[in-house]
PDB file of N, CA and C in Angstrom:
ATOM      1  N   UNK A   1      11.781   9.995  -7.619  1.00  0.00           N
ATOM      2  CA  UNK A   1      10.281   9.310  -7.483  1.00  0.00           C
ATOM      3  C   UNK A   1      10.418   8.323  -6.447  1.00  0.00           C
ATOM      4  N   UNK A   2      11.141   8.286  -6.367  1.00  0.00           N
ATOM      5  CA  UNK A   2      10.898   6.371  -5.366  1.00  0.00           C
ATOM      6  C   UNK A   2      11.029   7.170  -4.488  1.00  0.00           C
ATOM      7  N   UNK A   3      11.375   7.975  -3.599  1.00  0.00           N
ATOM      8  CA  UNK A   3      10.996   8.332  -3.008  1.00  0.00           C
ATOM      9  C   UNK A   3       9.630   8.871  -2.173  1.00  0.00           C
ATOM     10  N   UNK A   4       8.792   9.520  -2.788  1.00  0.00           N
ATOM     11  CA  UNK A   4       7.629   9.744  -3.017  1.00  0.00           C
ATOM     12  C   UNK A   4       6.638   8.046  -2.380  1.00  0.00           C
ATOM     13  N   UNK A   5       7.036   7.239  -3.098  1.00  0.00           N
ATOM     14  CA  UNK A   5       6.085   6.498  -3.662  1.00  0.00           C
ATOM     15  C   UNK A   5       6.665   5.559  -1.682  1.00  0.00           C
ATOM     16  N   UNK A   6       8.113   5.833  -1.005  1.00  0.00           N
ATOM     17  CA  UNK A   6       8.103   5.255   0.049  1.00  0.00           C
ATOM     18  C   UNK A   6       7.543   6.197   1.626  1.00  0.00           C
ATOM     19  N   UNK A   7       7.690   7.309   0.976  1.00  0.00           N
ATOM     20  CA  UNK A   7       7.060   7.788   2.770  1.00  0.00           C
ATOM     21  C   UNK A   7       5.406   7.961   2.010  1.00  0.00           C
ATOM     22  N   UNK A   8       4.869   7.285   1.484  1.00  0.00           N
ATOM     23  CA  UNK A   8       3.320   7.003   1.112  1.00  0.00           C
ATOM     24  C   UNK A   8       3.111   6.583   2.590  1.00  0.00           C
ATOM     25  N   UNK A   9       1.513   7.713   2.783  1.00  0.00           N
ATOM     26  CA  UNK A   9       0.904   6.932   4.374  1.00  0.00           C
ATOM     27  C   UNK A   9       0.117   6.083   3.794  1.00  0.00           C
ATOM     28  N   UNK A  10       0.021   5.129   4.965  1.00  0.00           N
ATOM     29  CA  UNK A  10      -1.080   4.395   5.014  1.00  0.00           C
ATOM     30  C   UNK A  10      -1.563   4.604   5.393  1.00  0.00           C
ATOM     31  N   UNK A  11      -3.669   3.426   4.950  1.00  0.00           N
ATOM     32  CA  UNK A  11      -4.294   3.900   4.300  1.00  0.00           C
ATOM     33  C   UNK A  11      -5.434   4.015   6.007  1.00  0.00           C
ATOM     34  N   UNK A  12      -6.141   5.107   5.881  1.00  0.00           N
ATOM     35  CA  UNK A  12      -6.803   5.421   7.528  1.00  0.00           C
ATOM     36  C   UNK A  12      -7.485   4.271   7.588  1.00  0.00           C
ATOM     37  N   UNK A  13      -8.751   3.523   6.774  1.00  0.00           N
ATOM     38  CA  UNK A  13      -9.334   2.744   7.764  1.00  0.00           C
ATOM     39  C   UNK A  13      -8.793   1.678   7.797  1.00  0.00           C
ATOM     40  N   UNK A  14      -6.919   1.518   7.921  1.00  0.00           N
ATOM     41  CA  UNK A  14      -7.421   0.145   8.575  1.00  0.00           C
ATOM     42  C   UNK A  14      -6.835   0.227   9.747  1.00  0.00           C
ATOM     43  N   UNK A  15      -7.536   1.379  10.631  1.00  0.00           N
ATOM     44  CA  UNK A  15      -6.819   1.788  11.800  1.00  0.00           C
ATOM     45  C   UNK A  15      -5.327   0.955  12.170  1.00  0.00           C
ATOM     46  N   UNK A  16      -4.637   1.206  11.398  1.00  0.00           N
ATOM     47  CA  UNK A  16      -2.838   0.598  11.854  1.00  0.00           C
ATOM     48  C   UNK A  16      -2.845  -0.684  12.102  1.00  0.00           C
ATOM     49  N   UNK A  17      -3.663  -2.137  11.876  1.00  0.00           N
ATOM     50  CA  UNK A  17      -3.475  -3.133  11.874  1.00  0.00           C
ATOM     51  C   UNK A  17      -2.607  -3.520  10.285  1.00  0.00           C
ATOM     52  N   UNK A  18      -2.244  -2.885   9.535  1.00  0.00           N
ATOM     53  CA  UNK A  18      -1.433  -2.985   8.256  1.00  0.00           C
ATOM     54  C   UNK A  18      -0.105  -3.600   8.648  1.00  0.00           C
ATOM     55  N   UNK A  19       0.219  -2.158   9.790  1.00  0.00           N
ATOM     56  CA  UNK A  19       1.354  -1.428  10.560  1.00  0.00           C
ATOM     57  C   UNK A  19       1.582  -3.267  11.219  1.00  0.00           C
ATOM     58  N   UNK A  20       0.789  -3.036  12.204  1.00  0.00           N
ATOM     59  CA  UNK A  20       0.854  -4.048  13.631  1.00  0.00           C
ATOM     60  C   UNK A  20       1.617  -5.593  12.829  1.00  0.00           C
ATOM     61  N   UNK A  21       0.666  -6.034  11.689  1.00  0.00           N
ATOM     62  CA  UNK A  21       0.440  -7.453  11.463  1.00  0.00           C
ATOM     63  C   UNK A  21       2.114  -7.296  10.862  1.00  0.00           C
ATOM     64  N   UNK A  22       2.877  -6.351   9.876  1.00  0.00           N
ATOM     65  CA  UNK A  22       3.527  -6.247   9.566  1.00  0.00           C
ATOM     66  C   UNK A  22       5.046  -6.846  10.198  1.00  0.00           C
ATOM     67  N   UNK A  23       5.105  -6.178  11.656  1.00  0.00           N
ATOM     68  CA  UNK A  23       5.937  -6.131  12.430  1.00  0.00           C
ATOM     69  C   UNK A  23       6.510  -7.192  12.988  1.00  0.00           C
ATOM     70  N   UNK A  24       8.243  -7.643  13.068  1.00  0.00           N
ATOM     71  CA  UNK A  24       8.458  -8.778  13.723  1.00  0.00           C
ATOM     72  C   UNK A  24       8.781  -8.880  15.654  1.00  0.00           C
ATOM     73  N   UNK A  25       7.590  -9.656  15.625  1.00  0.00           N
ATOM     74  CA  UNK A  25       7.638  -9.606  17.204  1.00  0.00           C
ATOM     75  C   UNK A  25       8.816 -10.821  17.934  1.00  0.00           C
ATOM     76  N   UNK A  26       9.599 -10.407  18.861  1.00  0.00           N
ATOM     77  CA  UNK A  26       9.582 -12.213  19.173  1.00  0.00           C
ATOM     78  C   UNK A  26       9.009 -12.923  20.077  1.00  0.00           C
ATOM     79  N   UNK A  27       9.626 -13.928  20.671  1.00  0.00           N
ATOM     80  CA  UNK A  27       8.260 -15.018  20.839  1.00  0.00           C
ATOM     81  C   UNK A  27       7.951 -15.928  20.588  1.00  0.00           C
ATOM     82  N   UNK A  28       7.411 -17.734  21.101  1.00  0.00           N
ATOM     83  CA  UNK A  28       6.303 -18.000  20.147  1.00  0.00           C
ATOM     84  C   UNK A  28       5.477 -17.784  19.205  1.00  0.00           C
ATOM     85  N   UNK A  29       5.174 -18.356  18.042  1.00  0.00           N
ATOM     86  CA  UNK A  29       4.925 -18.188  17.231  1.00  0.00           C
ATOM     87  C   UNK A  29       4.217 -19.407  17.106  1.00  0.00           C
ATOM     88  N   UNK A  30       2.279 -19.442  16.660  1.00  0.00           N
ATOM     89  CA  UNK A  30       1.620 -20.451  17.223  1.00  0.00           C
ATOM     90  C   UNK A  30       0.102 -19.926  15.725  1.00  0.00           C
ATOM     91  N   UNK A  31       0.215 -20.870  15.238  1.00  0.00           N
ATOM     92  CA  UNK A  31      -0.451 -20.332  13.759  1.00  0.00           C
ATOM     93  C   UNK A  31      -1.928 -20.489  14.279  1.00  0.00           C
ATOM     94  N   UNK A  32      -2.873 -19.617  13.931  1.00  0.00           N
ATOM     95  CA  UNK A  32      -4.428 -19.738  14.663  1.00  0.00           C
ATOM     96  C   UNK A  32      -5.347 -21.150  14.088  1.00  0.00           C
ATOM     97  N   UNK A  33      -4.889 -22.274  13.375  1.00  0.00           N
ATOM     98  CA  UNK A  33      -5.620 -23.166  13.096  1.00  0.00           C
ATOM     99  C   UNK A  33      -5.232 -24.227  14.775  1.00  0.00           C
ATOM    100  N   UNK A  34      -4.073 -23.946  15.457  1.00  0.00           N
ATOM    101  CA  UNK A  34      -3.395 -24.382  16.077  1.00  0.00           C
ATOM    102  C   UNK A  34      -3.744 -24.461  17.522  1.00  0.00           C
ATOM    103  N   UNK A  35      -4.543 -22.734  17.933  1.00  0.00           N
ATOM    104  CA  UNK A  35      -5.210 -22.049  18.950  1.00  0.00           C
ATOM    105  C   UNK A  35      -6.899 -22.390  18.630  1.00  0.00           C
ATOM    106  N   UNK A  36      -6.938 -22.238  17.612  1.00  0.00           N
ATOM    107  CA  UNK A  36      -8.223 -23.091  17.456  1.00  0.00           C
ATOM    108  C   UNK A  36      -8.802 -24.421  17.886  1.00  0.00           C
ATOM    109  N   UNK A  37      -7.923 -25.192  17.647  1.00  0.00           N
ATOM    110  CA  UNK A  37      -7.888 -26.423  17.620  1.00  0.00           C
ATOM    111  C   UNK A  37      -7.762 -27.167  19.077  1.00  0.00           C
ATOM    112  N   UNK A  38      -7.133 -26.327  19.904  1.00  0.00           N
ATOM    113  CA  UNK A  38      -6.982 -26.236  20.957  1.00  0.00           C
ATOM    114  C   UNK A  38      -7.642 -26.427  22.399  1.00  0.00           C
ATOM    115  N   UNK A  39      -8.146 -24.811  21.704  1.00  0.00           N
ATOM    116  CA  UNK A  39      -9.250 -24.617  22.452  1.00  0.00           C
ATOM    117  C   UNK A  39     -11.264 -24.631  22.443  1.00  0.00           C
ATOM    118  N   UNK A  40     -11.467 -25.621  21.095  1.00  0.00           N
ATOM    119  CA  UNK A  40     -12.479 -26.210  20.518  1.00  0.00           C
ATOM    120  C   UNK A  40     -11.564 -27.431  21.764  1.00  0.00           C
ATOM    121  N   UNK A  41     -11.034 -28.397  21.549  1.00  0.00           N
ATOM    122  CA  UNK A  41     -10.674 -29.715  22.069  1.00  0.00           C
ATOM    123  C   UNK A  41     -10.242 -29.565  23.586  1.00  0.00           C
ATOM    124  N   UNK A  42     -10.255 -28.320  24.317  1.00  0.00           N
ATOM    125  CA  UNK A  42     -10.544 -27.796  26.194  1.00  0.00           C
ATOM    126  C   UNK A  42     -11.702 -27.777  26.323  1.00  0.00           C
ATOM    127  N   UNK A  43     -12.559 -26.803  24.953  1.00  0.00           N
ATOM    128  CA  UNK A  43     -14.236 -27.024  26.057  1.00  0.00           C
ATOM    129  C   UNK A  43     -14.580 -27.848  25.967  1.00  0.00           C
ATOM    130  N   UNK A  44     -14.311 -29.506  24.618  1.00  0.00           N
ATOM    131  CA  UNK A  44     -15.442 -30.660  24.474  1.00  0.00           C
ATOM    132  C   UNK A  44     -14.184 -31.462  25.311  1.00  0.00           C
ATOM    133  N   UNK A  45     -13.313 -31.182  26.088  1.00  0.00           N
ATOM    134  CA  UNK A  45     -13.020 -31.957  27.188  1.00  0.00           C
ATOM    135  C   UNK A  45     -14.101 -31.679  28.603  1.00  0.00           C
ATOM    136  N   UNK A  46     -13.829 -30.760  28.773  1.00  0.00           N
ATOM    137  CA  UNK A  46     -14.451 -30.064  29.969  1.00  0.00           C
ATOM    138  C   UNK A  46     -15.109 -30.163  30.287  1.00  0.00           C
ATOM    139  N   UNK A  47     -16.405 -29.932  28.560  1.00  0.00           N
ATOM    140  CA  UNK A  47     -18.230 -30.695  28.695  1.00  0.00           C
ATOM    141  C   UNK A  47     -18.183 -32.013  29.517  1.00  0.00           C
ATOM    142  N   UNK A  48     -17.068 -32.739  28.625  1.00  0.00           N
ATOM    143  CA  UNK A  48     -17.229 -34.459  28.225  1.00  0.00           C
ATOM    144  C   UNK A  48     -16.915 -34.932  30.129  1.00  0.00           C
ATOM    145  N   UNK A  49     -16.150 -34.448  30.459  1.00  0.00           N
ATOM    146  CA  UNK A  49     -15.810 -34.647  31.497  1.00  0.00           C
ATOM    147  C   UNK A  49     -16.992 -34.048  33.221  1.00  0.00           C
ATOM    148  N   UNK A  50     -17.654 -32.693  33.015  1.00  0.00           N
ATOM    149  CA  UNK A  50     -19.140 -32.667  33.366  1.00  0.00           C
ATOM    150  C   UNK A  50     -20.130 -32.915  33.403  1.00  0.00           C
ATOM    151  N   UNK A  51     -20.241 -33.730  31.913  1.00  0.00           N
ATOM    152  CA  UNK A  51     -20.619 -34.902  32.227  1.00  0.00           C
ATOM    153  C   UNK A  51     -20.988 -35.898  32.804  1.00  0.00           C
ATOM    154  N   UNK A  52     -19.657 -36.779  32.526  1.00  0.00           N
ATOM    155  CA  UNK A  52     -19.502 -37.941  33.048  1.00  0.00           C
ATOM    156  C   UNK A  52     -19.776 -37.914  34.328  1.00  0.00           C
ATOM    157  N   UNK A  53     -18.831 -37.056  35.214  1.00  0.00           N
ATOM    158  CA  UNK A  53     -18.417 -37.099  36.389  1.00  0.00           C
ATOM    159  C   UNK A  53     -19.686 -36.602  36.899  1.00  0.00           C
ATOM    160  N   UNK A  54     -21.080 -36.035  36.776  1.00  0.00           N
ATOM    161  CA  UNK A  54     -22.035 -35.320  37.268  1.00  0.00           C
ATOM    162  C   UNK A  54     -23.111 -36.128  38.444  1.00  0.00           C
TER     163      UNK A  54
END
């Protein structure tokens, strides 16, 4: 009975996203908040530089 539970197919509606995020990958691990704050700050700095040196 436990074999049938372990071999159950993944839901088709997720299009493989569950298996993608469950895989362990090597490399740098950065939290999404850090990436979001970094990109917003880079945009703000570039707008400020453009406004100051126009």
